[in-house]
N, C-alpha and C. Protein backbone atom coordinates (compact mmCIF):
# COMPACT_ATOMS: atom_id res chain seq x y z
N MET A 1 71.73 18.49 66.55
CA MET A 1 71.03 18.02 67.93
C MET A 1 70.17 17.08 67.20
N LEU A 2 69.74 16.21 67.31
CA LEU A 2 69.00 14.63 67.09
C LEU A 2 67.91 14.86 68.20
N LEU A 3 66.48 14.72 66.76
CA LEU A 3 65.45 14.92 67.75
C LEU A 3 64.56 13.60 68.18
N PRO A 4 63.75 13.46 68.91
CA PRO A 4 63.23 11.68 69.06
C PRO A 4 61.73 11.88 67.86
N GLN A 5 61.97 10.58 67.79
CA GLN A 5 61.45 10.02 66.38
C GLN A 5 60.42 8.77 67.81
N ILE A 6 59.36 8.91 66.57
CA ILE A 6 58.82 7.38 66.39
C ILE A 6 58.36 7.18 65.28
N ARG A 7 58.57 5.92 65.31
CA ARG A 7 58.50 4.98 64.24
C ARG A 7 57.82 4.03 64.21
N MET A 8 56.25 4.34 62.99
CA MET A 8 54.75 3.09 62.67
C MET A 8 55.39 2.86 61.71
N GLU A 9 55.17 1.00 61.38
CA GLU A 9 55.20 0.80 60.13
C GLU A 9 53.64 -0.19 60.38
N SER A 10 52.91 -0.15 59.24
CA SER A 10 51.68 -0.90 59.55
C SER A 10 51.74 -2.28 58.13
N GLN A 11 50.76 -2.54 58.24
CA GLN A 11 50.65 -3.53 57.19
C GLN A 11 48.87 -3.54 57.43
N MET A 12 48.41 -3.40 56.12
CA MET A 12 46.62 -3.80 55.89
C MET A 12 46.36 -4.95 55.30
N ALA A 13 45.32 -5.54 56.25
CA ALA A 13 44.83 -6.98 56.29
C ALA A 13 44.39 -6.80 54.39
N LYS A 14 44.72 -8.20 53.84
CA LYS A 14 43.72 -8.47 52.98
C LYS A 14 42.97 -9.41 52.73
N ILE A 15 41.57 -9.58 52.07
CA ILE A 15 41.01 -10.81 51.84
C ILE A 15 40.88 -11.15 50.77
N ALA A 16 41.12 -12.66 50.50
CA ALA A 16 40.60 -12.96 49.00
C ALA A 16 39.34 -13.73 48.83
N ILE A 17 39.24 -13.94 47.74
CA ILE A 17 37.35 -14.47 47.70
C ILE A 17 37.61 -14.69 46.76
N SER A 18 37.17 -16.26 46.66
CA SER A 18 36.72 -16.65 45.06
C SER A 18 35.54 -17.17 45.00
N THR A 19 34.90 -17.17 43.65
CA THR A 19 33.54 -17.76 43.57
C THR A 19 33.42 -18.87 42.20
N THR A 20 32.54 -19.31 42.63
CA THR A 20 32.41 -20.20 41.71
C THR A 20 30.75 -20.17 40.85
N PRO A 21 31.00 -20.02 39.91
CA PRO A 21 29.61 -19.23 39.51
C PRO A 21 28.44 -20.37 39.63
N GLY A 22 27.22 -20.02 39.29
CA GLY A 22 26.09 -21.22 39.44
C GLY A 22 25.93 -21.36 38.25
N LYS A 23 25.43 -22.66 38.42
CA LYS A 23 24.36 -22.81 36.63
C LYS A 23 23.47 -23.04 36.41
N GLN A 24 22.78 -22.83 35.29
CA GLN A 24 20.97 -22.89 35.27
C GLN A 24 21.28 -23.51 33.84
N SER A 25 20.43 -24.46 33.91
CA SER A 25 20.10 -25.26 32.29
C SER A 25 18.50 -25.47 32.19
N ILE A 26 17.76 -24.75 31.33
CA ILE A 26 16.31 -24.74 31.20
C ILE A 26 16.00 -25.78 29.80
N LYS A 27 15.10 -26.62 30.01
CA LYS A 27 14.76 -27.54 28.58
C LYS A 27 13.16 -27.19 28.18
N GLN A 28 12.94 -26.86 27.62
CA GLN A 28 11.90 -26.14 27.15
C GLN A 28 11.21 -27.24 26.24
N PRO A 29 10.63 -28.35 26.36
CA PRO A 29 10.10 -29.15 25.43
C PRO A 29 8.64 -28.84 24.78
N LYS A 30 9.06 -29.21 23.25
CA LYS A 30 7.65 -28.42 22.58
C LYS A 30 6.69 -29.21 23.20
N ALA A 31 5.26 -28.24 22.81
CA ALA A 31 4.20 -28.26 23.05
C ALA A 31 3.63 -29.32 22.36
N ASP A 32 2.45 -29.87 22.42
CA ASP A 32 1.57 -30.98 21.88
C ASP A 32 0.50 -30.03 21.60
N ILE A 33 0.59 -30.72 19.78
CA ILE A 33 -0.89 -29.79 18.92
C ILE A 33 -0.96 -30.50 17.85
N ASP A 34 -2.83 -30.15 18.42
CA ASP A 34 -3.56 -31.32 17.85
C ASP A 34 -4.64 -29.99 16.62
N LEU A 35 -4.43 -30.12 15.37
CA LEU A 35 -4.76 -29.60 14.86
C LEU A 35 -5.65 -30.16 13.75
N GLN A 36 -7.52 -30.08 13.64
CA GLN A 36 -7.99 -30.70 12.81
C GLN A 36 -8.10 -29.69 11.53
N PRO A 37 -8.28 -29.66 10.21
CA PRO A 37 -8.17 -28.64 9.46
C PRO A 37 -9.84 -28.82 9.28
N ALA A 38 -10.44 -27.46 8.61
CA ALA A 38 -11.93 -27.94 8.66
C ALA A 38 -11.71 -27.52 6.95
N LYS A 39 -13.25 -28.54 6.25
CA LYS A 39 -13.44 -28.29 5.13
C LYS A 39 -13.80 -27.33 4.18
N VAL A 40 -13.38 -26.73 3.51
CA VAL A 40 -13.73 -25.62 2.91
C VAL A 40 -14.80 -25.59 1.68
N ALA A 41 -16.17 -24.99 1.26
CA ALA A 41 -17.11 -25.47 0.42
C ALA A 41 -17.16 -23.88 -0.34
N VAL A 42 -16.93 -24.01 -2.11
CA VAL A 42 -16.78 -22.59 -2.55
C VAL A 42 -17.78 -23.20 -3.56
N GLU A 43 -18.03 -21.95 -3.86
CA GLU A 43 -19.84 -21.81 -4.76
C GLU A 43 -19.63 -21.09 -5.59
N ILE A 44 -19.78 -21.45 -7.30
CA ILE A 44 -19.09 -20.48 -7.79
C ILE A 44 -20.24 -20.72 -9.35
N ASN A 45 -20.43 -19.07 -9.31
CA ASN A 45 -21.94 -18.50 -10.21
C ASN A 45 -21.27 -17.92 -11.48
N ARG A 46 -21.77 -18.43 -12.87
CA ARG A 46 -21.04 -18.11 -13.82
C ARG A 46 -22.03 -17.12 -14.94
N THR A 47 -22.10 -16.01 -15.12
CA THR A 47 -22.91 -15.53 -15.63
C THR A 47 -22.17 -15.36 -17.44
N PRO A 48 -22.75 -16.06 -18.57
CA PRO A 48 -21.72 -16.24 -19.40
C PRO A 48 -22.01 -15.01 -19.96
N GLY A 49 -21.01 -14.24 -20.90
CA GLY A 49 -20.75 -13.09 -21.52
C GLY A 49 -22.28 -13.11 -22.61
N LYS A 50 -22.38 -11.96 -23.02
CA LYS A 50 -23.53 -11.49 -24.34
C LYS A 50 -22.36 -10.34 -25.49
N LEU A 51 -22.78 -10.80 -26.27
CA LEU A 51 -22.01 -10.00 -27.62
C LEU A 51 -23.33 -9.90 -28.31
N THR A 52 -23.94 -8.64 -28.90
CA THR A 52 -24.86 -7.74 -29.29
C THR A 52 -24.55 -7.28 -30.99
N ILE A 53 -24.80 -7.38 -32.00
CA ILE A 53 -24.55 -6.52 -33.14
C ILE A 53 -25.52 -6.22 -33.68
N ASP A 54 -24.98 -5.06 -34.00
CA ASP A 54 -26.67 -4.19 -34.57
C ASP A 54 -25.88 -3.61 -35.98
N GLN A 55 -26.42 -4.66 -37.18
CA GLN A 55 -26.04 -4.01 -38.67
C GLN A 55 -27.36 -3.16 -38.83
N THR A 56 -28.53 -2.13 -38.37
CA THR A 56 -29.31 -1.93 -39.02
C THR A 56 -28.41 -0.94 -39.26
N LYS A 57 -28.03 -0.08 -39.08
CA LYS A 57 -27.46 1.20 -40.24
C LYS A 57 -26.44 0.40 -41.57
N ALA A 58 -25.74 -0.46 -41.83
CA ALA A 58 -25.89 -0.78 -42.38
C ALA A 58 -26.03 -1.30 -43.44
N TRP A 59 -27.26 -2.08 -42.86
CA TRP A 59 -28.29 -2.44 -43.86
C TRP A 59 -29.23 -1.05 -44.36
N GLU A 60 -29.15 0.11 -44.16
CA GLU A 60 -29.97 1.36 -44.03
C GLU A 60 -28.46 1.79 -45.22
N ASP A 61 -27.33 2.04 -45.23
CA ASP A 61 -26.68 2.31 -45.88
C ASP A 61 -26.72 1.90 -47.10
N ARG A 62 -27.05 0.51 -47.56
CA ARG A 62 -26.93 -0.32 -48.52
C ARG A 62 -28.76 -0.45 -49.23
N ASN A 63 -29.64 0.58 -48.48
CA ASN A 63 -30.74 0.06 -49.03
C ASN A 63 -31.63 -0.66 -49.34
N LEU A 64 -31.00 -1.54 -47.48
CA LEU A 64 -31.95 -2.85 -47.87
C LEU A 64 -32.92 -3.13 -45.92
N ALA A 65 -32.53 -1.85 -45.50
CA ALA A 65 -33.49 -1.76 -44.19
C ALA A 65 -35.17 -2.09 -44.38
N ASP A 66 -35.72 -2.82 -43.37
CA ASP A 66 -37.11 -2.74 -43.56
C ASP A 66 -37.45 -1.56 -43.80
N THR A 67 -38.73 -1.80 -44.34
CA THR A 67 -39.69 -0.74 -44.56
C THR A 67 -40.32 0.24 -43.99
N PHE A 68 -40.61 0.05 -42.82
CA PHE A 68 -40.85 0.89 -42.03
C PHE A 68 -39.85 2.21 -41.85
N ARG A 69 -38.30 1.68 -41.69
CA ARG A 69 -37.32 1.72 -41.30
C ARG A 69 -36.88 3.05 -42.08
N PHE A 70 -36.78 2.25 -43.58
CA PHE A 70 -36.68 3.05 -44.77
C PHE A 70 -37.93 4.66 -44.89
N ILE A 71 -38.99 4.34 -44.85
CA ILE A 71 -39.85 5.36 -44.69
C ILE A 71 -39.44 6.45 -43.41
N GLU A 72 -39.39 5.99 -42.46
CA GLU A 72 -38.66 6.91 -41.18
C GLU A 72 -37.67 7.59 -41.92
N LYS A 73 -36.73 6.90 -42.40
CA LYS A 73 -35.32 7.57 -42.41
C LYS A 73 -36.12 8.72 -43.78
N ILE A 74 -36.63 8.48 -44.40
CA ILE A 74 -36.46 9.17 -45.68
C ILE A 74 -37.70 10.71 -44.85
N ALA A 75 -38.48 9.91 -43.98
CA ALA A 75 -38.88 11.56 -43.64
C ALA A 75 -38.02 12.31 -42.36
N GLU A 76 -37.29 11.58 -42.04
CA GLU A 76 -36.41 12.45 -41.54
C GLU A 76 -36.07 13.26 -42.14
N GLU A 77 -35.03 12.74 -43.40
CA GLU A 77 -34.17 13.51 -44.27
C GLU A 77 -35.04 14.81 -44.88
N GLY A 78 -36.57 15.01 -45.24
CA GLY A 78 -37.49 15.31 -45.69
C GLY A 78 -37.21 16.44 -44.74
N TYR A 79 -37.99 16.01 -44.01
CA TYR A 79 -37.96 17.09 -42.39
C TYR A 79 -36.79 17.96 -42.28
N GLN A 80 -35.48 17.49 -42.46
CA GLN A 80 -34.05 18.34 -41.89
C GLN A 80 -34.18 19.25 -43.57
N ALA A 81 -34.39 18.99 -44.51
CA ALA A 81 -34.27 19.18 -45.24
C ALA A 81 -35.30 20.31 -45.95
N TRP A 82 -36.13 20.53 -45.49
CA TRP A 82 -37.26 21.63 -44.66
C TRP A 82 -37.02 22.80 -44.18
N LEU A 83 -35.94 22.34 -42.79
CA LEU A 83 -35.62 22.52 -41.74
C LEU A 83 -34.74 24.10 -42.70
N GLU A 84 -34.01 23.48 -43.07
CA GLU A 84 -32.62 24.07 -43.91
C GLU A 84 -33.29 25.03 -45.09
N GLY A 85 -34.30 24.69 -45.69
CA GLY A 85 -34.84 25.23 -46.49
C GLY A 85 -35.71 26.90 -45.61
N ILE A 86 -36.18 26.39 -44.75
CA ILE A 86 -36.38 27.80 -43.88
C ILE A 86 -35.82 28.46 -43.32
N ALA A 87 -34.41 27.76 -42.91
CA ALA A 87 -33.56 28.79 -42.47
C ALA A 87 -32.57 29.88 -43.48
N ARG A 88 -32.72 29.17 -44.83
CA ARG A 88 -32.18 29.74 -45.90
C ARG A 88 -33.07 31.00 -46.23
N LEU A 89 -34.36 30.34 -46.14
CA LEU A 89 -35.21 31.80 -46.64
C LEU A 89 -34.67 32.84 -45.77
N ALA A 90 -34.83 32.67 -44.30
CA ALA A 90 -34.77 33.52 -43.80
C ALA A 90 -33.82 34.46 -43.73
N GLU A 91 -32.51 33.71 -43.81
CA GLU A 91 -31.49 34.40 -44.31
C GLU A 91 -31.00 35.35 -45.07
N GLN A 92 -32.18 34.85 -46.22
CA GLN A 92 -32.15 35.25 -47.50
C GLN A 92 -33.07 36.71 -46.96
N GLY A 93 -33.86 36.42 -46.32
CA GLY A 93 -34.99 37.75 -45.94
C GLY A 93 -34.38 39.15 -45.55
N ASP A 94 -33.36 38.62 -44.35
CA ASP A 94 -32.94 39.59 -43.86
C ASP A 94 -32.05 40.14 -44.46
N GLU A 95 -30.99 39.86 -45.66
CA GLU A 95 -30.35 40.34 -46.40
C GLU A 95 -30.76 41.49 -47.22
N LEU A 96 -32.25 40.92 -47.28
CA LEU A 96 -33.02 41.94 -48.39
C LEU A 96 -33.65 43.03 -47.45
N MET A 97 -33.48 42.95 -46.36
CA MET A 97 -34.04 43.73 -45.34
C MET A 97 -33.34 45.11 -45.25
N LYS A 98 -31.82 44.37 -45.14
CA LYS A 98 -30.18 45.20 -44.79
C LYS A 98 -29.98 45.58 -46.64
N ILE A 99 -30.25 45.98 -47.39
CA ILE A 99 -30.44 46.53 -48.84
C ILE A 99 -29.47 48.10 -48.63
N GLU A 100 -29.71 48.24 -48.18
CA GLU A 100 -29.57 49.38 -47.91
C GLU A 100 -27.77 49.73 -47.28
N ASN A 101 -27.39 48.37 -46.73
CA ASN A 101 -25.95 48.27 -46.25
C ASN A 101 -25.16 48.10 -47.19
N GLY A 102 -25.04 47.61 -48.63
CA GLY A 102 -25.02 47.89 -49.55
C GLY A 102 -24.98 46.82 -50.14
N GLY A 103 -23.11 46.17 -50.98
CA GLY A 103 -23.58 45.20 -51.72
C GLY A 103 -24.79 44.43 -53.29
N SER A 104 -24.87 43.42 -53.16
CA SER A 104 -26.09 43.11 -54.31
C SER A 104 -26.71 41.75 -53.89
N PRO A 105 -27.48 42.03 -53.06
CA PRO A 105 -27.93 40.85 -52.33
C PRO A 105 -28.80 39.82 -53.47
N LEU A 106 -29.46 40.82 -54.16
CA LEU A 106 -30.02 40.16 -55.23
C LEU A 106 -29.73 39.26 -56.10
N ALA A 107 -28.36 39.85 -56.73
CA ALA A 107 -27.45 38.72 -57.15
C ALA A 107 -27.09 37.46 -57.04
N ASP A 108 -26.64 37.92 -55.78
CA ASP A 108 -25.70 36.52 -54.91
C ASP A 108 -26.85 35.41 -54.41
N GLN A 109 -28.10 35.72 -54.34
CA GLN A 109 -29.22 34.83 -54.14
C GLN A 109 -29.53 34.10 -55.52
N ALA A 110 -29.67 34.94 -56.30
CA ALA A 110 -29.69 34.03 -57.58
C ALA A 110 -28.92 32.91 -57.69
N LYS A 111 -27.57 33.74 -57.99
CA LYS A 111 -26.97 32.77 -58.13
C LYS A 111 -26.94 31.41 -56.89
N GLU A 112 -27.36 31.51 -55.78
CA GLU A 112 -27.02 30.50 -54.48
C GLU A 112 -28.55 29.70 -54.64
N ASN A 113 -28.89 30.06 -55.34
CA ASN A 113 -30.58 29.80 -55.25
C ASN A 113 -30.96 28.92 -56.79
N SER A 114 -29.23 29.10 -57.84
CA SER A 114 -29.34 28.58 -59.29
C SER A 114 -28.21 27.54 -58.91
N GLU A 115 -27.36 27.05 -58.10
CA GLU A 115 -26.62 26.32 -58.45
C GLU A 115 -27.18 24.91 -57.86
N SER A 116 -26.34 23.92 -58.55
CA SER A 116 -27.40 22.50 -58.06
C SER A 116 -26.26 21.95 -56.76
N PRO A 117 -26.87 21.30 -55.84
CA PRO A 117 -26.41 20.86 -54.65
C PRO A 117 -24.97 19.94 -55.79
N MET A 118 -23.60 20.26 -54.11
CA MET A 118 -23.16 18.97 -54.65
C MET A 118 -23.58 18.05 -54.02
N TYR A 119 -23.84 16.32 -54.74
CA TYR A 119 -24.29 15.48 -53.70
C TYR A 119 -22.83 14.18 -54.23
N GLU A 120 -22.66 13.69 -52.58
CA GLU A 120 -21.72 12.75 -52.60
C GLU A 120 -21.94 11.76 -53.16
N VAL A 121 -20.34 11.22 -53.72
CA VAL A 121 -21.02 9.71 -54.79
C VAL A 121 -20.47 8.69 -53.69
N ASN A 122 -20.84 7.40 -54.01
CA ASN A 122 -20.28 6.60 -52.82
C ASN A 122 -21.05 5.35 -53.19
N VAL A 123 -20.17 4.23 -53.54
CA VAL A 123 -20.39 3.17 -54.16
C VAL A 123 -21.57 2.64 -53.13
N GLY A 124 -22.84 2.27 -53.54
CA GLY A 124 -24.45 2.05 -52.81
C GLY A 124 -23.89 0.74 -52.40
N TRP A 125 -23.31 -0.49 -52.29
CA TRP A 125 -23.73 -1.10 -51.62
C TRP A 125 -22.19 -1.57 -50.67
N ILE A 126 -21.54 -0.53 -50.06
CA ILE A 126 -20.52 -0.85 -49.04
C ILE A 126 -21.04 0.35 -48.18
N PRO A 127 -21.34 -0.16 -46.95
CA PRO A 127 -21.54 0.62 -45.89
C PRO A 127 -20.48 1.77 -44.89
N SER A 128 -21.00 2.76 -44.38
CA SER A 128 -20.43 3.66 -44.00
C SER A 128 -19.32 2.89 -42.70
N LEU A 129 -18.18 3.96 -42.63
CA LEU A 129 -17.04 3.30 -41.50
C LEU A 129 -18.16 3.49 -40.04
N PHE A 130 -18.07 2.52 -39.30
CA PHE A 130 -18.36 2.14 -37.97
C PHE A 130 -20.47 2.05 -37.99
N SER A 131 -20.70 1.50 -39.45
CA SER A 131 -22.37 1.34 -39.27
C SER A 131 -22.24 0.19 -38.68
N VAL A 132 -21.73 -1.01 -38.45
CA VAL A 132 -22.14 -2.17 -37.52
C VAL A 132 -21.29 -1.74 -36.03
N LYS A 133 -22.70 -1.61 -35.32
CA LYS A 133 -21.97 -1.48 -33.72
C LYS A 133 -22.16 -2.99 -33.03
N PHE A 134 -21.00 -2.98 -32.23
CA PHE A 134 -20.57 -4.15 -31.28
C PHE A 134 -21.13 -3.37 -29.85
N ASP A 135 -21.81 -4.56 -29.33
CA ASP A 135 -21.70 -4.35 -27.83
C ASP A 135 -21.96 -5.51 -27.31
N TYR A 136 -20.82 -6.12 -25.66
CA TYR A 136 -20.37 -7.12 -25.42
C TYR A 136 -20.87 -6.37 -23.78
N GLU A 137 -21.31 -7.18 -23.45
CA GLU A 137 -21.38 -7.85 -22.21
C GLU A 137 -20.48 -8.63 -21.38
N PRO A 138 -19.54 -8.44 -20.73
CA PRO A 138 -18.87 -9.77 -20.06
C PRO A 138 -19.00 -10.29 -19.17
N SER A 139 -18.95 -11.82 -19.20
CA SER A 139 -19.20 -12.72 -18.68
C SER A 139 -19.08 -12.30 -17.43
N LYS A 140 -19.71 -12.69 -15.44
CA LYS A 140 -19.57 -12.50 -14.60
C LYS A 140 -19.54 -13.35 -13.50
N LEU A 141 -18.52 -13.59 -13.02
CA LEU A 141 -18.36 -14.78 -11.94
C LEU A 141 -18.39 -14.69 -10.67
N ASP A 142 -19.12 -15.10 -9.93
CA ASP A 142 -19.17 -15.07 -8.56
C ASP A 142 -18.71 -16.30 -7.66
N ILE A 143 -17.67 -15.51 -6.97
CA ILE A 143 -17.29 -16.33 -5.92
C ILE A 143 -17.43 -16.90 -4.47
N ASN A 144 -18.18 -17.09 -3.92
CA ASN A 144 -18.32 -17.16 -2.45
C ASN A 144 -17.84 -18.50 -1.54
N TRP A 145 -17.36 -18.68 -0.71
CA TRP A 145 -16.26 -19.47 0.20
C TRP A 145 -17.00 -18.81 1.36
N HIS A 146 -17.50 -20.66 1.70
CA HIS A 146 -18.09 -20.87 3.08
C HIS A 146 -16.89 -21.46 4.11
N LEU A 147 -16.01 -20.72 4.54
CA LEU A 147 -14.94 -20.97 5.48
C LEU A 147 -15.49 -21.65 6.82
N LYS A 148 -14.98 -22.20 7.06
CA LYS A 148 -15.61 -23.00 8.60
C LYS A 148 -13.40 -23.10 9.48
N LYS A 149 -14.34 -23.17 10.87
CA LYS A 149 -13.40 -22.45 11.62
C LYS A 149 -12.51 -23.99 12.15
N ALA A 150 -11.30 -24.03 11.69
CA ALA A 150 -10.65 -25.17 12.11
C ALA A 150 -10.64 -25.48 13.54
N GLU A 151 -10.04 -26.94 14.11
CA GLU A 151 -9.98 -27.16 15.61
C GLU A 151 -8.58 -26.99 16.08
N PHE A 152 -8.24 -26.27 17.10
CA PHE A 152 -6.64 -25.93 16.78
C PHE A 152 -6.69 -26.38 19.01
N ARG A 153 -5.53 -26.97 19.01
CA ARG A 153 -5.59 -27.48 20.31
C ARG A 153 -4.42 -27.15 20.40
N ALA A 154 -3.42 -26.44 21.60
CA ALA A 154 -2.19 -26.84 21.78
C ALA A 154 -2.00 -27.08 23.67
N ILE A 155 -0.99 -28.38 23.84
CA ILE A 155 -1.11 -28.75 25.40
C ILE A 155 -0.08 -28.35 25.62
N PRO A 156 0.54 -27.62 26.28
CA PRO A 156 2.14 -27.30 26.81
C PRO A 156 2.94 -27.42 27.71
N ASN A 157 3.55 -27.95 27.61
CA ASN A 157 4.55 -28.75 28.42
C ASN A 157 5.86 -27.97 29.58
N LYS A 158 5.72 -27.95 30.59
CA LYS A 158 6.51 -27.65 31.82
C LYS A 158 7.90 -27.49 31.56
N PRO A 159 8.54 -26.76 31.48
CA PRO A 159 10.35 -26.58 31.73
C PRO A 159 10.70 -27.37 32.44
N ILE A 160 12.03 -27.95 32.18
CA ILE A 160 12.29 -28.88 33.09
C ILE A 160 14.01 -27.69 33.29
N ILE A 161 13.90 -27.21 34.71
CA ILE A 161 14.63 -26.21 34.78
C ILE A 161 15.82 -27.10 35.95
N HIS A 162 16.93 -27.27 36.00
CA HIS A 162 17.90 -27.65 36.41
C HIS A 162 18.87 -26.14 37.22
N TYR A 163 18.96 -26.14 38.23
CA TYR A 163 20.22 -25.31 39.01
C TYR A 163 21.37 -26.00 39.96
N ASP A 164 22.77 -25.69 39.04
CA ASP A 164 23.57 -25.67 40.86
C ASP A 164 24.18 -24.67 41.35
N CYS A 165 24.07 -24.30 42.58
CA CYS A 165 24.35 -23.37 43.14
C CYS A 165 25.61 -23.03 42.99
N GLY A 166 25.91 -21.61 42.89
CA GLY A 166 27.21 -20.94 42.91
C GLY A 166 28.13 -20.97 44.64
N ARG A 167 29.15 -20.53 44.84
CA ARG A 167 29.84 -20.76 45.69
C ARG A 167 30.68 -19.67 45.79
N VAL A 168 31.03 -18.85 46.82
CA VAL A 168 31.86 -17.54 47.52
C VAL A 168 32.98 -18.29 48.69
N ASP A 169 33.91 -18.13 48.41
CA ASP A 169 34.68 -18.63 49.64
C ASP A 169 35.45 -17.19 49.97
N ILE A 170 35.52 -16.84 51.21
CA ILE A 170 36.62 -16.15 51.45
C ILE A 170 37.20 -16.30 52.74
N LYS A 171 38.74 -15.50 52.55
CA LYS A 171 39.54 -16.10 53.52
C LYS A 171 40.38 -14.96 53.93
N ILE A 172 41.65 -15.06 54.99
CA ILE A 172 42.06 -13.67 54.94
C ILE A 172 43.47 -14.00 54.59
N ALA A 173 43.99 -13.70 53.35
CA ALA A 173 45.02 -13.82 52.38
C ALA A 173 46.54 -13.22 53.67
N GLN A 174 46.08 -12.01 54.08
CA GLN A 174 47.54 -11.46 54.65
C GLN A 174 46.75 -10.65 56.21
N TYR A 175 46.90 -10.51 57.58
CA TYR A 175 46.36 -10.11 58.50
C TYR A 175 47.27 -8.62 58.65
N GLN A 176 46.18 -7.81 59.40
CA GLN A 176 47.17 -7.01 59.77
C GLN A 176 47.86 -6.34 60.77
N LYS A 177 48.85 -5.31 60.52
CA LYS A 177 50.04 -5.20 61.71
C LYS A 177 50.54 -3.93 61.74
N LEU A 178 51.08 -3.69 63.38
CA LEU A 178 51.82 -2.50 63.51
C LEU A 178 52.85 -2.28 64.50
N LYS A 179 53.82 -2.16 63.72
CA LYS A 179 55.26 -1.90 64.39
C LYS A 179 55.33 -0.75 65.26
N ILE A 180 55.58 -0.51 66.24
CA ILE A 180 56.03 1.01 66.75
C ILE A 180 57.82 1.06 67.28
N GLY A 181 58.63 1.83 66.83
CA GLY A 181 59.81 2.24 67.41
C GLY A 181 59.80 3.39 67.36
N PHE A 182 61.17 4.10 68.63
CA PHE A 182 61.28 4.69 69.20
C PHE A 182 62.80 5.13 68.60
N ALA A 183 63.06 6.24 68.78
CA ALA A 183 64.83 6.70 67.73
C ALA A 183 65.15 7.76 68.60
N ASN A 184 66.02 7.91 68.86
CA ASN A 184 66.58 9.37 69.42
C ASN A 184 65.68 9.70 71.02
N LEU A 185 65.35 9.26 71.51
CA LEU A 185 64.13 9.44 72.47
C LEU A 185 65.43 9.37 74.26
N THR A 186 65.38 10.26 75.19
CA THR A 186 66.48 9.97 75.98
C THR A 186 65.60 10.53 76.92
N PHE A 187 65.97 10.54 78.48
CA PHE A 187 65.08 10.64 79.54
C PHE A 187 66.07 11.31 80.77
N LYS A 188 65.80 12.34 80.58
CA LYS A 188 66.96 13.31 81.42
C LYS A 188 65.82 13.16 83.28
N GLY A 189 66.66 12.86 83.72
CA GLY A 189 66.42 12.85 85.25
C GLY A 189 67.44 13.82 86.05
N GLN A 190 67.20 13.68 87.40
CA GLN A 190 68.04 14.61 87.97
C GLN A 190 69.64 13.90 87.86
N ASN A 191 70.67 14.49 87.67
CA ASN A 191 71.32 13.95 87.06
C ASN A 191 71.94 13.37 86.72
N PHE A 192 71.39 12.76 85.77
CA PHE A 192 71.85 11.69 84.96
C PHE A 192 70.84 11.70 83.18
N GLU A 193 71.05 10.95 82.55
CA GLU A 193 70.33 10.92 80.99
C GLU A 193 70.42 9.17 80.38
N MET A 194 69.26 9.71 79.98
CA MET A 194 69.67 7.97 79.87
C MET A 194 68.73 7.67 77.83
N ASN A 195 69.18 6.38 77.23
CA ASN A 195 68.76 6.71 76.54
C ASN A 195 67.90 5.61 75.98
N ILE A 196 66.81 5.88 75.65
CA ILE A 196 65.15 4.52 75.76
C ILE A 196 65.58 3.84 74.40
């Protein structure tokens, strides 16, 4: 048995779009610049260096110092020898006070007091090392800058803009369609049958 059928065929509509892009050009002219440089003043102050050489000790080592300094040196050496003698006597007195601790402090002290001191031998006309003293004050340099502002003026120029508009074209490339058809369709009436 054939069933009745309805057949439909459709076709979609299609739109065609074409575009022409816009064009824009921008030109920026350079700014006009007016620059007036300012003069700079420089002030330089220089203090010269100073070298000081002190040969006092070297002259003393050669026994050629001035009289007052020579007397001062001899007095200082005598005072130092006196202090050393007092210290030696105090130490020897302490040893004698503690004679019960043993040893022979009398004989040791007699030997120590009878020995001649060892003198340092040196050539009299050669000063000792580092007896000449140097002092140097470096020179000073003082630089002062007197800056003045430069005159600067910029005049900007307006940009040159050119624009071509774009375009959009829209059209129908294909129209829509709908086809309807029938198959195996029969109409039954009274005492008759008919295919549609």
